[in-house]
Amino acid sequence: MAFIIDNILLSPLKFTVWIAAKLRDSAYQEMTDESKVHEELLALQMQYEMEEIDDETYEKEETKLMDRLEAIRKMKEDM
């Protein structure tokens, strides 16, 4: 009987912890998703090849994206 009462009383807390864990996992997965950075690099390259952006803009944006990609890989390595 005590087991059932404990489950009833602790279920809101357990649910909150479960939700927090799911949110944490989802945020981690989104933060370490390399495919989005690759897509942005491809889009940037297409803009450059179609002469929509100049050399300076391309190099600046490419550097930002490559830094982001490196940070993601380092984060994955550390985990």
N, C-alpha and C. Protein backbone atom coordinates (compact mmCIF):
# COMPACT_ATOMS: atom_id res chain seq x y z
N MET A 1 0.81 -1.19 0.00
CA MET A 1 0.00 0.00 0.00
C MET A 1 0.86 1.27 0.00
N ALA A 2 1.93 1.24 0.78
CA ALA A 2 2.82 2.40 0.86
C ALA A 2 3.47 2.66 -0.49
N PHE A 3 3.75 1.60 -1.23
CA PHE A 3 4.36 1.73 -2.55
C PHE A 3 3.45 2.50 -3.50
N ILE A 4 2.18 2.22 -3.48
CA ILE A 4 1.21 2.90 -4.34
C ILE A 4 1.10 4.38 -3.95
N ILE A 5 1.05 4.66 -2.66
CA ILE A 5 0.96 6.05 -2.20
C ILE A 5 2.22 6.82 -2.59
N ASP A 6 3.39 6.18 -2.43
CA ASP A 6 4.63 6.83 -2.83
C ASP A 6 4.62 7.16 -4.32
N ASN A 7 4.15 6.22 -5.13
CA ASN A 7 4.08 6.45 -6.57
C ASN A 7 3.14 7.59 -6.91
N ILE A 8 2.02 7.66 -6.23
CA ILE A 8 1.05 8.73 -6.49
C ILE A 8 1.63 10.08 -6.08
N LEU A 9 2.28 10.13 -4.94
CA LEU A 9 2.83 11.39 -4.45
C LEU A 9 4.05 11.85 -5.25
N LEU A 10 4.85 10.92 -5.72
CA LEU A 10 6.09 11.27 -6.42
C LEU A 10 5.93 11.36 -7.94
N SER A 11 4.79 10.96 -8.47
CA SER A 11 4.62 10.96 -9.92
C SER A 11 4.77 12.34 -10.56
N PRO A 12 4.27 13.43 -9.97
CA PRO A 12 4.51 14.74 -10.59
C PRO A 12 6.00 15.09 -10.66
N LEU A 13 6.74 14.74 -9.62
CA LEU A 13 8.18 15.00 -9.61
C LEU A 13 8.90 14.14 -10.64
N LYS A 14 8.54 12.88 -10.72
CA LYS A 14 9.14 11.98 -11.70
C LYS A 14 8.85 12.45 -13.13
N PHE A 15 7.63 12.91 -13.34
CA PHE A 15 7.24 13.40 -14.67
C PHE A 15 8.06 14.65 -15.03
N THR A 16 8.23 15.54 -14.07
CA THR A 16 9.02 16.76 -14.31
C THR A 16 10.46 16.41 -14.64
N VAL A 17 11.04 15.48 -13.92
CA VAL A 17 12.42 15.04 -14.19
C VAL A 17 12.50 14.40 -15.57
N TRP A 18 11.52 13.60 -15.92
CA TRP A 18 11.50 12.94 -17.23
C TRP A 18 11.42 13.98 -18.36
N ILE A 19 10.56 14.97 -18.20
CA ILE A 19 10.42 16.04 -19.20
C ILE A 19 11.73 16.81 -19.32
N ALA A 20 12.36 17.12 -18.20
CA ALA A 20 13.63 17.85 -18.22
C ALA A 20 14.70 17.05 -18.95
N ALA A 21 14.74 15.76 -18.72
CA ALA A 21 15.72 14.90 -19.40
C ALA A 21 15.47 14.87 -20.91
N LYS A 22 14.22 14.79 -21.30
CA LYS A 22 13.88 14.79 -22.73
C LYS A 22 14.27 16.11 -23.39
N LEU A 23 14.00 17.22 -22.71
CA LEU A 23 14.37 18.54 -23.23
C LEU A 23 15.89 18.66 -23.36
N ARG A 24 16.61 18.18 -22.35
CA ARG A 24 18.07 18.22 -22.38
C ARG A 24 18.61 17.40 -23.57
N ASP A 25 18.07 16.20 -23.75
CA ASP A 25 18.51 15.35 -24.85
C ASP A 25 18.21 15.98 -26.20
N SER A 26 17.05 16.58 -26.31
CA SER A 26 16.66 17.24 -27.56
C SER A 26 17.56 18.44 -27.86
N ALA A 27 17.85 19.22 -26.84
CA ALA A 27 18.73 20.38 -27.02
C ALA A 27 20.13 19.95 -27.40
N TYR A 28 20.64 18.90 -26.77
CA TYR A 28 21.97 18.39 -27.10
C TYR A 28 22.02 17.91 -28.54
N GLN A 29 20.99 17.18 -28.94
CA GLN A 29 20.94 16.66 -30.31
C GLN A 29 20.91 17.80 -31.32
N GLU A 30 20.15 18.84 -31.03
CA GLU A 30 20.07 19.98 -31.93
C GLU A 30 21.39 20.76 -31.97
N MET A 31 22.02 20.89 -30.82
CA MET A 31 23.29 21.62 -30.77
C MET A 31 24.41 20.90 -31.49
N THR A 32 24.35 19.59 -31.54
CA THR A 32 25.42 18.80 -32.15
C THR A 32 25.06 18.27 -33.53
N ASP A 33 24.09 18.87 -34.17
CA ASP A 33 23.66 18.44 -35.50
C ASP A 33 24.52 19.10 -36.56
N GLU A 34 25.46 18.32 -37.10
CA GLU A 34 26.38 18.85 -38.11
C GLU A 34 25.69 19.08 -39.46
N SER A 35 24.61 18.38 -39.72
CA SER A 35 23.98 18.46 -41.04
C SER A 35 23.47 19.87 -41.34
N LYS A 36 22.98 20.57 -40.32
CA LYS A 36 22.50 21.94 -40.56
C LYS A 36 23.64 22.86 -41.00
N VAL A 37 24.80 22.69 -40.38
CA VAL A 37 25.95 23.50 -40.74
C VAL A 37 26.40 23.16 -42.16
N HIS A 38 26.38 21.88 -42.50
CA HIS A 38 26.75 21.46 -43.86
C HIS A 38 25.78 22.07 -44.89
N GLU A 39 24.50 22.07 -44.57
CA GLU A 39 23.52 22.67 -45.47
C GLU A 39 23.78 24.16 -45.66
N GLU A 40 24.10 24.84 -44.56
CA GLU A 40 24.39 26.27 -44.65
C GLU A 40 25.66 26.52 -45.47
N LEU A 41 26.65 25.65 -45.32
CA LEU A 41 27.87 25.78 -46.13
C LEU A 41 27.57 25.61 -47.62
N LEU A 42 26.73 24.63 -47.94
CA LEU A 42 26.35 24.41 -49.34
C LEU A 42 25.58 25.60 -49.90
N ALA A 43 24.67 26.12 -49.12
CA ALA A 43 23.89 27.28 -49.55
C ALA A 43 24.80 28.49 -49.77
N LEU A 44 25.76 28.67 -48.87
CA LEU A 44 26.71 29.76 -49.00
C LEU A 44 27.55 29.60 -50.26
N GLN A 45 27.99 28.39 -50.52
CA GLN A 45 28.79 28.13 -51.72
C GLN A 45 27.98 28.39 -52.99
N MET A 46 26.72 28.01 -52.97
CA MET A 46 25.86 28.27 -54.13
C MET A 46 25.70 29.77 -54.36
N GLN A 47 25.49 30.52 -53.28
CA GLN A 47 25.36 31.97 -53.41
C GLN A 47 26.63 32.57 -54.01
N TYR A 48 27.77 32.05 -53.57
CA TYR A 48 29.04 32.56 -54.07
C TYR A 48 29.22 32.23 -55.55
N GLU A 49 28.93 31.00 -55.92
CA GLU A 49 29.08 30.57 -57.31
C GLU A 49 28.12 31.30 -58.24
N MET A 50 26.97 31.69 -57.73
CA MET A 50 26.00 32.41 -58.54
C MET A 50 26.24 33.92 -58.47
N GLU A 51 27.34 34.29 -57.83
CA GLU A 51 27.77 35.67 -57.69
C GLU A 51 26.74 36.56 -56.98
N GLU A 52 26.04 35.96 -56.03
CA GLU A 52 25.10 36.73 -55.21
C GLU A 52 25.81 37.41 -54.05
N ILE A 53 26.98 36.87 -53.68
CA ILE A 53 27.79 37.48 -52.61
C ILE A 53 29.23 37.61 -53.10
N ASP A 54 29.96 38.55 -52.50
CA ASP A 54 31.34 38.77 -52.92
C ASP A 54 32.32 37.89 -52.13
N ASP A 55 33.59 37.96 -52.50
CA ASP A 55 34.62 37.13 -51.89
C ASP A 55 34.73 37.36 -50.38
N GLU A 56 34.71 38.62 -50.00
CA GLU A 56 34.88 38.96 -48.58
C GLU A 56 33.75 38.39 -47.73
N THR A 57 32.53 38.55 -48.19
CA THR A 57 31.37 38.02 -47.46
C THR A 57 31.44 36.51 -47.39
N TYR A 58 31.79 35.89 -48.49
CA TYR A 58 31.89 34.43 -48.53
C TYR A 58 32.91 33.93 -47.51
N GLU A 59 34.09 34.51 -47.51
CA GLU A 59 35.14 34.07 -46.59
C GLU A 59 34.76 34.29 -45.13
N LYS A 60 34.12 35.42 -44.85
CA LYS A 60 33.71 35.72 -43.48
C LYS A 60 32.66 34.72 -43.00
N GLU A 61 31.66 34.47 -43.82
CA GLU A 61 30.59 33.54 -43.44
C GLU A 61 31.10 32.10 -43.37
N GLU A 62 31.99 31.75 -44.30
CA GLU A 62 32.55 30.40 -44.29
C GLU A 62 33.36 30.17 -43.01
N THR A 63 34.11 31.16 -42.59
CA THR A 63 34.90 31.05 -41.37
C THR A 63 33.99 30.84 -40.16
N LYS A 64 32.89 31.59 -40.10
CA LYS A 64 31.93 31.43 -39.00
C LYS A 64 31.38 30.01 -38.96
N LEU A 65 30.97 29.52 -40.14
CA LEU A 65 30.38 28.18 -40.20
C LEU A 65 31.40 27.10 -39.87
N MET A 66 32.62 27.26 -40.33
CA MET A 66 33.65 26.27 -40.03
C MET A 66 33.99 26.29 -38.54
N ASP A 67 33.98 27.45 -37.92
CA ASP A 67 34.20 27.54 -36.47
C ASP A 67 33.08 26.82 -35.72
N ARG A 68 31.85 27.02 -36.19
CA ARG A 68 30.71 26.34 -35.57
C ARG A 68 30.82 24.84 -35.70
N LEU A 69 31.23 24.37 -36.88
CA LEU A 69 31.40 22.95 -37.13
C LEU A 69 32.49 22.38 -36.22
N GLU A 70 33.57 23.10 -36.08
CA GLU A 70 34.66 22.66 -35.20
C GLU A 70 34.20 22.60 -33.75
N ALA A 71 33.42 23.57 -33.32
CA ALA A 71 32.90 23.58 -31.95
C ALA A 71 31.98 22.39 -31.70
N ILE A 72 31.16 22.06 -32.69
CA ILE A 72 30.26 20.91 -32.56
C ILE A 72 31.07 19.63 -32.42
N ARG A 73 32.08 19.47 -33.26
CA ARG A 73 32.92 18.26 -33.20
C ARG A 73 33.66 18.16 -31.88
N LYS A 74 34.13 19.30 -31.37
CA LYS A 74 34.83 19.30 -30.08
C LYS A 74 33.86 18.94 -28.96
N MET A 75 32.63 19.46 -29.02
CA MET A 75 31.63 19.15 -28.02
C MET A 75 31.31 17.65 -28.02
N LYS A 76 31.19 17.06 -29.19
CA LYS A 76 30.92 15.63 -29.29
C LYS A 76 32.09 14.82 -28.74
N GLU A 77 33.29 15.29 -29.00
CA GLU A 77 34.49 14.61 -28.52
C GLU A 77 34.55 14.63 -26.99
N ASP A 78 34.19 15.77 -26.41
CA ASP A 78 34.24 15.92 -24.96
C ASP A 78 33.19 15.07 -24.24
N MET A 79 32.10 14.80 -24.92
CA MET A 79 31.06 13.99 -24.30
C MET A 79 31.43 12.54 -24.43
